[in-house]
């Protein structure tokens, strides 16, 4: 009997620790990407140099790919692909210098990132 109880306790502890680690990684990653995208949005709104905006976009995409690699282990790929689609749309809008459409795509990507973060939060609503 004690053996079974010990195994159950160990499993529960592992679940809670795993949840904490994935939730903290998700929160940190979403905050990093949101800050990057907000900074890019400010540059777009000020209509700064196209090369500077494109460079910042490439840096943001590189950060996203690193974040995507780690989050792909525990988050639905569909959610991550939606963010990737938004960022690709943003990149296409920047290529043709359509900053208004780029801001819309950027806001979609930020919204989807926040949605991923909210979805990962350990709460009773997400459990039931």
C-alpha atoms as a PDB file:
ATOM      1  CA  UNK A   1       0.000   0.000   0.000  1.00  0.00           C
ATOM      2  CA  UNK A   2       2.774   2.461   0.901  1.00  0.00           C
ATOM      3  CA  UNK A   3       4.556   1.726  -2.323  1.00  0.00           C
ATOM      4  CA  UNK A   4       1.527   2.740  -4.390  1.00  0.00           C
ATOM      5  CA  UNK A   5       1.022   5.924  -2.374  1.00  0.00           C
ATOM      6  CA  UNK A   6       4.698   6.831  -2.817  1.00  0.00           C
ATOM      7  CA  UNK A   7       4.484   6.278  -6.569  1.00  0.00           C
ATOM      8  CA  UNK A   8       1.357   8.451  -6.795  1.00  0.00           C
ATOM      9  CA  UNK A   9       3.012  11.232  -4.786  1.00  0.00           C
ATOM     10  CA  UNK A  10       6.128  11.115  -6.963  1.00  0.00           C
ATOM     11  CA  UNK A  11       4.002  11.284 -10.112  1.00  0.00           C
ATOM     12  CA  UNK A  12       2.017  14.245  -8.766  1.00  0.00           C
ATOM     13  CA  UNK A  13       5.182  16.097  -7.776  1.00  0.00           C
ATOM     14  CA  UNK A  14       6.641  15.505 -11.253  1.00  0.00           C
ATOM     15  CA  UNK A  15       3.431  16.795 -12.854  1.00  0.00           C
ATOM     16  CA  UNK A  16       3.411  19.968 -10.783  1.00  0.00           C
ATOM     17  CA  UNK A  17       7.121  20.625 -11.313  1.00  0.00           C
ATOM     18  CA  UNK A  18       6.787  20.006 -15.063  1.00  0.00           C
ATOM     19  CA  UNK A  19       3.787  22.318 -15.236  1.00  0.00           C
ATOM     20  CA  UNK A  20       5.653  25.029 -13.352  1.00  0.00           C
ATOM     21  CA  UNK A  21       8.685  24.786 -15.636  1.00  0.00           C
ATOM     22  CA  UNK A  22       6.674  24.844 -18.857  1.00  0.00           C
ATOM     23  CA  UNK A  23       4.444  27.664 -17.626  1.00  0.00           C
ATOM     24  CA  UNK A  24       7.397  29.815 -16.568  1.00  0.00           C
ATOM     25  CA  UNK A  25       9.162  29.164 -19.891  1.00  0.00           C
ATOM     26  CA  UNK A  26       6.005  30.059 -21.810  1.00  0.00           C
ATOM     27  CA  UNK A  27       5.474  33.259 -19.824  1.00  0.00           C
ATOM     28  CA  UNK A  28       9.080  34.354 -20.259  1.00  0.00           C
ATOM     29  CA  UNK A  29       9.130  33.512 -23.971  1.00  0.00           C
ATOM     30  CA  UNK A  30       5.853  35.308 -24.676  1.00  0.00           C
ATOM     31  CA  UNK A  31       7.064  38.406 -22.817  1.00  0.00           C
ATOM     32  CA  UNK A  32      10.315  38.439 -24.820  1.00  0.00           C
ATOM     33  CA  UNK A  33       8.517  38.105 -28.152  1.00  0.00           C
ATOM     34  CA  UNK A  34       5.854  40.642 -27.192  1.00  0.00           C
ATOM     35  CA  UNK A  35       8.530  43.195 -26.302  1.00  0.00           C
ATOM     36  CA  UNK A  36      10.316  42.514 -29.590  1.00  0.00           C
ATOM     37  CA  UNK A  37       7.133  42.923 -31.594  1.00  0.00           C
ATOM     38  CA  UNK A  38       6.071  46.053 -29.694  1.00  0.00           C
ATOM     39  CA  UNK A  39       9.464  47.600 -30.424  1.00  0.00           C
ATOM     40  CA  UNK A  40       9.083  46.671 -34.086  1.00  0.00           C
ATOM     41  CA  UNK A  41       5.592  48.196 -34.092  1.00  0.00           C
ATOM     42  CA  UNK A  42       6.912  51.484 -32.708  1.00  0.00           C
ATOM     43  CA  UNK A  43       9.546  51.602 -35.433  1.00  0.00           C
ATOM     44  CA  UNK A  44       6.923  50.906 -38.076  1.00  0.00           C
ATOM     45  CA  UNK A  45       4.600  53.589 -36.731  1.00  0.00           C
ATOM     46  CA  UNK A  46       7.433  56.125 -36.851  1.00  0.00           C
ATOM     47  CA  UNK A  47       8.241  55.032 -40.440  1.00  0.00           C
ATOM     48  CA  UNK A  48      11.905  54.582 -39.723  1.00  0.00           C
ATOM     49  CA  UNK A  49      14.473  53.369 -42.217  1.00  0.00           C
ATOM     50  CA  UNK A  50      13.301  50.307 -44.172  1.00  0.00           C
ATOM     51  CA  UNK A  51      16.629  48.513 -43.708  1.00  0.00           C
ATOM     52  CA  UNK A  52      16.508  49.079 -39.955  1.00  0.00           C
ATOM     53  CA  UNK A  53      12.958  47.710 -39.756  1.00  0.00           C
ATOM     54  CA  UNK A  54      13.881  44.685 -41.883  1.00  0.00           C
ATOM     55  CA  UNK A  55      16.939  44.019 -39.703  1.00  0.00           C
ATOM     56  CA  UNK A  56      14.808  44.185 -36.576  1.00  0.00           C
ATOM     57  CA  UNK A  57      12.268  41.853 -38.214  1.00  0.00           C
ATOM     58  CA  UNK A  58      14.999  39.320 -39.001  1.00  0.00           C
ATOM     59  CA  UNK A  59      16.225  39.484 -35.393  1.00  0.00           C
ATOM     60  CA  UNK A  60      12.656  38.953 -34.179  1.00  0.00           C
ATOM     61  CA  UNK A  61      12.207  35.986 -36.517  1.00  0.00           C
ATOM     62  CA  UNK A  62      15.462  34.447 -35.254  1.00  0.00           C
ATOM     63  CA  UNK A  63      14.268  34.816 -31.661  1.00  0.00           C
ATOM     64  CA  UNK A  64      10.899  33.346 -32.605  1.00  0.00           C
ATOM     65  CA  UNK A  65      12.502  30.286 -34.191  1.00  0.00           C
ATOM     66  CA  UNK A  66      14.520  29.639 -31.009  1.00  0.00           C
ATOM     67  CA  UNK A  67      11.408  30.052 -28.865  1.00  0.00           C
ATOM     68  CA  UNK A  68       9.365  27.911 -31.245  1.00  0.00           C
ATOM     69  CA  UNK A  69      11.867  25.061 -30.943  1.00  0.00           C
ATOM     70  CA  UNK A  70      11.508  24.870 -27.177  1.00  0.00           C
ATOM     71  CA  UNK A  71       7.772  25.490 -26.999  1.00  0.00           C
ATOM     72  CA  UNK A  72       7.021  22.892 -29.678  1.00  0.00           C
ATOM     73  CA  UNK A  73       7.655  20.146 -27.117  1.00  0.00           C
ATOM     74  CA  UNK A  74       4.631  20.996 -25.010  1.00  0.00           C
ATOM     75  CA  UNK A  75       2.346  23.367 -26.945  1.00  0.00           C
ATOM     76  CA  UNK A  76       0.029  22.459 -29.791  1.00  0.00           C
ATOM     77  CA  UNK A  77       1.757  22.952 -33.118  1.00  0.00           C
ATOM     78  CA  UNK A  78      -1.380  24.543 -34.543  1.00  0.00           C
ATOM     79  CA  UNK A  79      -1.085  27.435 -32.092  1.00  0.00           C
ATOM     80  CA  UNK A  80       2.566  27.972 -32.930  1.00  0.00           C
ATOM     81  CA  UNK A  81       1.862  27.805 -36.655  1.00  0.00           C
ATOM     82  CA  UNK A  82      -0.735  30.565 -36.303  1.00  0.00           C
ATOM     83  CA  UNK A  83       1.907  32.848 -34.789  1.00  0.00           C
ATOM     84  CA  UNK A  84       4.335  31.848 -37.541  1.00  0.00           C
ATOM     85  CA  UNK A  85       1.691  32.703 -40.156  1.00  0.00           C
ATOM     86  CA  UNK A  86       1.165  36.133 -38.587  1.00  0.00           C
ATOM     87  CA  UNK A  87       4.889  36.817 -38.567  1.00  0.00           C
ATOM     88  CA  UNK A  88       5.192  35.683 -42.181  1.00  0.00           C
ATOM     89  CA  UNK A  89       2.364  38.038 -43.139  1.00  0.00           C
ATOM     90  CA  UNK A  90       4.163  40.815 -41.289  1.00  0.00           C
ATOM     91  CA  UNK A  91       7.370  40.068 -43.153  1.00  0.00           C
ATOM     92  CA  UNK A  92       5.515  40.137 -46.491  1.00  0.00           C
ATOM     93  CA  UNK A  93       3.879  43.460 -45.594  1.00  0.00           C
ATOM     94  CA  UNK A  94       7.254  44.935 -44.724  1.00  0.00           C
ATOM     95  CA  UNK A  95       8.687  43.747 -48.031  1.00  0.00           C
ATOM     96  CA  UNK A  96       6.156  45.837 -49.949  1.00  0.00           C
ATOM     97  CA  UNK A  97       6.307  48.673 -47.400  1.00  0.00           C
ATOM     98  CA  UNK A  98       2.638  48.334 -46.442  1.00  0.00           C
ATOM     99  CA  UNK A  99       3.100  49.285 -42.800  1.00  0.00           C
ATOM    100  CA  UNK A 100      -0.614  49.503 -41.993  1.00  0.00           C
ATOM    101  CA  UNK A 101      -1.197  45.882 -43.004  1.00  0.00           C
ATOM    102  CA  UNK A 102       2.029  44.966 -41.200  1.00  0.00           C
ATOM    103  CA  UNK A 103       0.762  46.475 -37.964  1.00  0.00           C
ATOM    104  CA  UNK A 104      -2.444  44.431 -38.301  1.00  0.00           C
ATOM    105  CA  UNK A 105      -0.434  41.211 -38.753  1.00  0.00           C
ATOM    106  CA  UNK A 106       1.796  42.204 -35.862  1.00  0.00           C
ATOM    107  CA  UNK A 107      -1.191  42.741 -33.573  1.00  0.00           C
ATOM    108  CA  UNK A 108      -2.548  39.317 -34.581  1.00  0.00           C
ATOM    109  CA  UNK A 109       0.760  37.703 -33.661  1.00  0.00           C
ATOM    110  CA  UNK A 110       0.828  39.480 -30.292  1.00  0.00           C
ATOM    111  CA  UNK A 111      -2.759  38.419 -29.600  1.00  0.00           C
ATOM    112  CA  UNK A 112      -1.965  34.802 -30.456  1.00  0.00           C
ATOM    113  CA  UNK A 113       1.090  34.844 -28.196  1.00  0.00           C
ATOM    114  CA  UNK A 114      -1.007  36.143 -25.313  1.00  0.00           C
ATOM    115  CA  UNK A 115      -3.602  33.477 -26.073  1.00  0.00           C
ATOM    116  CA  UNK A 116      -0.938  30.770 -25.838  1.00  0.00           C
ATOM    117  CA  UNK A 117       0.194  32.166 -22.495  1.00  0.00           C
ATOM    118  CA  UNK A 118      -3.360  32.259 -21.114  1.00  0.00           C
ATOM    119  CA  UNK A 119      -4.029  28.751 -22.363  1.00  0.00           C
ATOM    120  CA  UNK A 120      -0.995  27.398 -20.480  1.00  0.00           C
ATOM    121  CA  UNK A 121      -1.912  28.978 -17.140  1.00  0.00           C
ATOM    122  CA  UNK A 122      -2.725  26.428 -14.462  1.00  0.00           C
ATOM    123  CA  UNK A 123      -6.262  27.307 -13.383  1.00  0.00           C
ATOM    124  CA  UNK A 124      -9.540  25.563 -12.696  1.00  0.00           C
ATOM    125  CA  UNK A 125     -11.009  26.890 -15.931  1.00  0.00           C
ATOM    126  CA  UNK A 126      -8.267  25.176 -17.932  1.00  0.00           C
ATOM    127  CA  UNK A 127      -8.591  21.942 -15.964  1.00  0.00           C
ATOM    128  CA  UNK A 128     -12.324  21.461 -16.276  1.00  0.00           C
END
